[in-house]
Amino acid sequence: MNSPVQAKLSFLPAVSIRKIGQRDLRAGFSLIELMAAIALIVVLAAMGAPSMLNPRSGVAVMDRSVSNLSLLLEQARTYAMANNTYVWVGFSTDTVKNTVTVAAMAGVSGASSDINAAASLRAISKPQVFENVELCSINATALSRETAVDLIGATGSGTTFRRNAANGTVSFGNLIQFGPAGDVRIPGGSVSRWLELGLQPLHGTKADTANIAAVQVGGLTGQVRVYRP
C-alpha cells in the first residue's frame, strides 16, 4: 500500500506528461498557423507584385534608361561649355543583345571639324550600356509633346565616330552635337528648337510600345525633357 508521500510522487509524472503533451500540441498548432500565413503571403505576392519590382519590366527599363541618358546629355553640354569645345553624343545598337551603348566624345582642338578625325577626339566619360531597349521614331499622335526634329530620321544624322571596345571597334551614329556656346544640333545642321530621340523597351524581340519615351533636348538651352505615356 502506498503512503501519502508515494501517492503524491506517483502523481507528479502523470501531470508533467500531460502538461508537456499540451505544450507540444499548442506548439504544433502555432507552427501550422505560421506556415499557413507564410503560404498566404507568398500567394498574394505572386499575384499582386507590381511590375516595378521586376528590373526587366518595361516601366523599370525606361525609368533607368531615360534617367541615365538625361544625365549624360546634361554632362555633355556642361563639358562643352566649360572647356570651350564641341562634344558629340553617339549611339550604337546591338540587335542581338538588345542593347544601346551611348558614348560622348569631345573635340581636342575645340573645332567642329574634330568629329572628322579619330585622333582629334577624346572620351569624356565611360560608355553607358542600356539593356533591353532600342532607338525608335515615335508617332506624333503617340505622345503629346513639343514638335521636334527626330534624330533617327533626320538628314545629317548619319555622321559617326568610332571607339575601341572589349569586343572590337564600335561605331556610334545618330549624333547630338553640343557646342561651346551651349547650342545643340545635328552635326553640320542648324540649331533646332528641339531635337528628339525615341526609346522603347524590348521583351526579347518584341517592342513594348506601351512604355515608350521621347527624350528631347532644347537647341538653344540644352534643356532635357522626357515625355512618357
Protein backbone atom coordinates (compact mmCIF):
# COMPACT_ATOMS: atom_id res chain seq x y z
CA MET A 1 0.00 0.00 0.00
CA ASN A 2 1.37 3.41 -1.00
CA SER A 3 2.00 6.08 1.58
CA PRO A 4 0.55 9.60 1.05
CA VAL A 5 4.04 10.77 0.03
CA GLN A 6 4.40 7.99 -2.54
CA ALA A 7 0.95 8.78 -3.90
CA LYS A 8 1.93 12.42 -4.43
CA LEU A 9 5.20 11.40 -6.10
CA SER A 10 3.45 8.94 -8.39
CA PHE A 11 1.01 11.69 -9.40
CA LEU A 12 3.65 14.20 -10.49
CA PRO A 13 4.95 12.37 -13.58
CA ALA A 14 1.44 11.97 -14.92
CA VAL A 15 0.75 15.67 -14.50
CA SER A 16 4.10 16.55 -16.12
CA ILE A 17 3.42 14.28 -19.08
CA ARG A 18 0.00 15.78 -19.59
CA LYS A 19 1.39 19.33 -19.42
CA ILE A 20 4.20 18.53 -21.85
CA GLY A 21 1.70 16.96 -24.22
CA GLN A 22 -0.48 20.05 -24.07
CA ARG A 23 2.52 22.32 -24.72
CA ASP A 24 3.58 20.20 -27.71
CA LEU A 25 0.03 20.30 -29.02
CA ARG A 26 -0.14 24.08 -28.72
CA ALA A 27 3.30 24.42 -30.39
CA GLY A 28 2.14 22.21 -33.23
CA PHE A 29 -0.87 24.39 -33.92
CA SER A 30 1.28 27.55 -33.82
CA LEU A 31 3.66 26.10 -36.42
CA ILE A 32 0.78 25.16 -38.69
CA GLU A 33 -0.69 28.62 -38.38
CA LEU A 34 2.69 30.19 -39.18
CA MET A 35 3.14 28.01 -42.25
CA ALA A 36 -0.36 28.87 -43.44
CA ALA A 37 0.35 32.59 -43.03
CA ILE A 38 3.64 32.32 -44.96
CA ALA A 39 1.92 30.40 -47.75
CA LEU A 40 -0.78 33.08 -47.99
CA ILE A 41 1.83 35.85 -48.19
CA VAL A 42 3.68 34.03 -50.97
CA VAL A 43 0.50 33.58 -52.99
CA LEU A 44 -0.52 37.23 -52.58
CA ALA A 45 2.97 38.43 -53.50
CA ALA A 46 2.97 36.29 -56.65
CA MET A 47 -0.45 37.56 -57.69
CA GLY A 48 -0.04 41.24 -56.88
CA ALA A 49 3.65 42.08 -57.29
CA PRO A 50 3.88 45.30 -59.30
CA SER A 51 5.93 45.40 -62.47
CA MET A 52 8.35 47.90 -60.96
CA LEU A 53 9.73 45.13 -58.77
CA ASN A 54 10.95 43.41 -61.94
CA PRO A 55 14.16 45.14 -63.13
CA ARG A 56 13.44 43.92 -66.68
CA SER A 57 9.87 45.25 -66.85
CA GLY A 58 9.11 47.95 -69.40
CA VAL A 59 8.48 50.66 -66.82
CA ALA A 60 11.65 49.91 -64.84
CA VAL A 61 13.75 49.73 -68.01
CA MET A 62 12.53 53.12 -69.21
CA ASP A 63 12.87 54.75 -65.79
CA ARG A 64 16.50 53.74 -65.64
CA SER A 65 17.27 54.48 -69.30
CA VAL A 66 15.78 57.97 -69.51
CA SER A 67 17.31 58.98 -66.19
CA ASN A 68 20.82 57.92 -67.19
CA LEU A 69 20.51 59.33 -70.70
CA SER A 70 19.29 62.69 -69.39
CA LEU A 71 22.26 62.93 -67.05
CA LEU A 72 24.68 62.06 -69.87
CA LEU A 73 23.24 64.72 -72.17
CA GLU A 74 23.46 67.36 -69.45
CA GLN A 75 27.04 66.30 -68.71
CA ALA A 76 27.97 66.63 -72.40
CA ARG A 77 26.60 70.17 -72.67
CA THR A 78 28.26 71.24 -69.43
CA TYR A 79 31.62 69.85 -70.59
CA ALA A 80 31.36 71.61 -73.96
CA MET A 81 30.69 74.98 -72.36
CA ALA A 82 33.25 74.60 -69.57
CA ASN A 83 36.04 73.57 -71.97
CA ASN A 84 35.10 75.81 -74.93
CA THR A 85 34.87 72.84 -77.27
CA TYR A 86 32.40 70.57 -79.04
CA VAL A 87 31.02 67.34 -77.62
CA TRP A 88 29.25 64.63 -79.59
CA VAL A 89 26.97 62.03 -78.03
CA GLY A 90 26.51 58.97 -80.22
CA PHE A 91 24.52 55.74 -80.09
CA SER A 92 25.35 52.16 -81.07
CA THR A 93 22.67 49.46 -81.24
CA ASP A 94 23.27 45.73 -80.75
CA THR A 95 20.20 43.90 -82.06
CA VAL A 96 21.47 40.54 -80.81
CA LYS A 97 21.95 41.57 -77.19
CA ASN A 98 19.10 44.11 -77.27
CA THR A 99 21.37 46.91 -76.01
CA VAL A 100 22.06 50.52 -76.90
CA THR A 101 25.50 51.86 -75.99
CA VAL A 102 25.92 55.61 -75.61
CA ALA A 103 29.31 57.37 -75.76
CA ALA A 104 30.38 61.02 -75.51
CA MET A 105 33.47 62.39 -77.26
CA ALA A 106 34.96 65.88 -77.09
CA GLY A 107 37.00 67.73 -79.69
CA VAL A 108 40.70 68.16 -78.84
CA SER A 109 41.24 71.40 -80.78
CA GLY A 110 37.88 72.93 -79.98
CA ALA A 111 36.77 72.97 -83.63
CA SER A 112 33.61 71.39 -85.00
CA SER A 113 35.74 69.61 -87.62
CA ASP A 114 37.28 67.42 -84.89
CA ILE A 115 34.47 64.94 -85.48
CA ASN A 116 36.07 64.03 -88.82
CA ALA A 117 39.29 62.63 -87.33
CA ALA A 118 39.54 60.00 -84.59
CA ALA A 119 42.83 61.48 -83.37
CA SER A 120 41.04 64.77 -82.69
CA LEU A 121 38.55 63.21 -80.27
CA ARG A 122 38.78 62.18 -76.63
CA ALA A 123 36.25 60.42 -74.43
CA ILE A 124 34.75 62.45 -71.61
CA SER A 125 33.11 59.51 -69.85
CA LYS A 126 32.82 55.74 -69.93
CA PRO A 127 30.26 54.47 -72.48
CA GLN A 128 26.93 53.57 -70.92
CA VAL A 129 25.04 50.44 -71.92
CA PHE A 130 21.24 50.45 -71.88
CA GLU A 131 19.84 46.92 -71.76
CA ASN A 132 16.54 45.68 -73.24
CA VAL A 133 15.87 48.92 -75.10
CA GLU A 134 16.04 50.19 -78.69
CA LEU A 135 16.03 53.52 -80.51
CA CYS A 136 12.85 54.34 -82.40
CA SER A 137 10.86 57.08 -84.08
CA ILE A 138 7.69 57.93 -82.17
CA ASN A 139 4.49 58.71 -84.00
CA ALA A 140 3.25 62.26 -83.50
CA THR A 141 -0.04 61.01 -82.05
CA ALA A 142 1.56 58.54 -79.64
CA LEU A 143 2.60 61.20 -77.13
CA SER A 144 1.55 64.79 -76.52
CA ARG A 145 4.77 66.80 -76.68
CA GLU A 146 6.71 69.66 -78.29
CA THR A 147 7.31 69.50 -82.04
CA ALA A 148 10.90 68.35 -82.54
CA VAL A 149 13.39 67.14 -85.15
CA ASP A 150 13.52 63.33 -84.99
CA LEU A 151 17.17 62.37 -84.56
CA ILE A 152 16.58 58.89 -86.00
CA GLY A 153 15.27 60.04 -89.36
CA ALA A 154 16.84 63.46 -89.68
CA THR A 155 19.15 64.31 -92.59
CA GLY A 156 22.76 64.59 -91.45
CA SER A 157 22.38 62.26 -88.51
CA GLY A 158 24.48 59.67 -90.35
CA THR A 159 27.71 61.26 -89.07
CA THR A 160 29.61 58.76 -86.90
CA PHE A 161 32.65 58.33 -84.70
CA ARG A 162 34.38 55.11 -83.63
CA ARG A 163 35.58 53.86 -80.26
CA ASN A 164 37.59 50.82 -79.23
CA ALA A 165 35.75 48.34 -77.03
CA ALA A 166 36.40 44.91 -75.50
CA ASN A 167 34.80 43.18 -78.49
CA GLY A 168 36.41 45.41 -81.14
CA THR A 169 35.83 48.83 -82.63
CA VAL A 170 32.30 50.18 -82.22
CA SER A 171 30.72 52.78 -84.49
CA PHE A 172 28.43 55.40 -82.93
CA GLY A 173 25.84 57.25 -85.01
CA ASN A 174 22.73 59.43 -84.62
CA LEU A 175 24.97 62.09 -83.13
CA ILE A 176 23.89 65.00 -80.98
CA GLN A 177 26.39 67.87 -81.13
CA PHE A 178 26.85 70.24 -78.18
CA GLY A 179 28.68 73.48 -78.94
CA PRO A 180 30.85 75.69 -76.70
CA ALA A 181 28.01 78.24 -76.51
CA GLY A 182 25.60 75.60 -75.20
CA ASP A 183 23.80 75.15 -78.53
CA VAL A 184 22.56 71.71 -79.56
CA ARG A 185 22.23 70.43 -83.11
CA ILE A 186 22.80 67.58 -85.54
CA PRO A 187 26.40 67.76 -86.87
CA GLY A 188 26.53 70.05 -89.89
CA GLY A 189 22.96 71.23 -89.34
CA SER A 190 21.39 74.33 -87.88
CA VAL A 191 20.11 74.75 -84.36
CA SER A 192 16.61 73.36 -83.94
CA ARG A 193 14.21 74.37 -81.21
CA TRP A 194 14.06 70.74 -80.05
CA LEU A 195 15.86 67.53 -81.01
CA GLU A 196 14.18 64.24 -80.15
CA LEU A 197 15.37 60.70 -79.55
CA GLY A 198 12.77 57.96 -79.16
CA LEU A 199 13.26 54.91 -76.92
CA GLN A 200 11.20 51.81 -76.30
CA PRO A 201 11.83 48.74 -74.10
CA LEU A 202 12.15 45.24 -75.51
CA HIS A 203 10.90 41.91 -74.26
CA GLY A 204 13.04 39.52 -76.27
CA THR A 205 12.43 40.64 -79.86
CA LYS A 206 9.07 42.26 -79.11
CA ALA A 207 8.87 46.01 -78.58
CA ASP A 208 6.90 47.27 -75.60
CA THR A 209 5.08 50.17 -77.28
CA ALA A 210 3.08 50.91 -74.13
CA ASN A 211 6.20 52.20 -72.36
CA ILE A 212 7.84 54.41 -75.00
CA ALA A 213 9.73 57.59 -74.12
CA ALA A 214 10.59 60.68 -76.12
CA VAL A 215 13.75 62.40 -74.90
CA GLN A 216 14.01 65.96 -76.21
CA VAL A 217 16.93 68.38 -75.98
CA GLY A 218 16.44 72.12 -76.42
CA GLY A 219 18.57 73.50 -79.25
CA LEU A 220 19.25 76.84 -77.59
CA THR A 221 19.07 75.96 -73.91
CA GLY A 222 20.18 72.32 -73.78
CA GLN A 223 17.22 71.61 -71.52
CA VAL A 224 16.28 67.91 -71.45
CA ARG A 225 12.61 66.95 -71.42
CA VAL A 226 11.21 63.43 -71.18
CA TYR A 227 7.72 62.51 -72.39
CA ARG A 228 6.09 59.24 -71.32
CA PRO A 229 2.61 57.75 -71.83
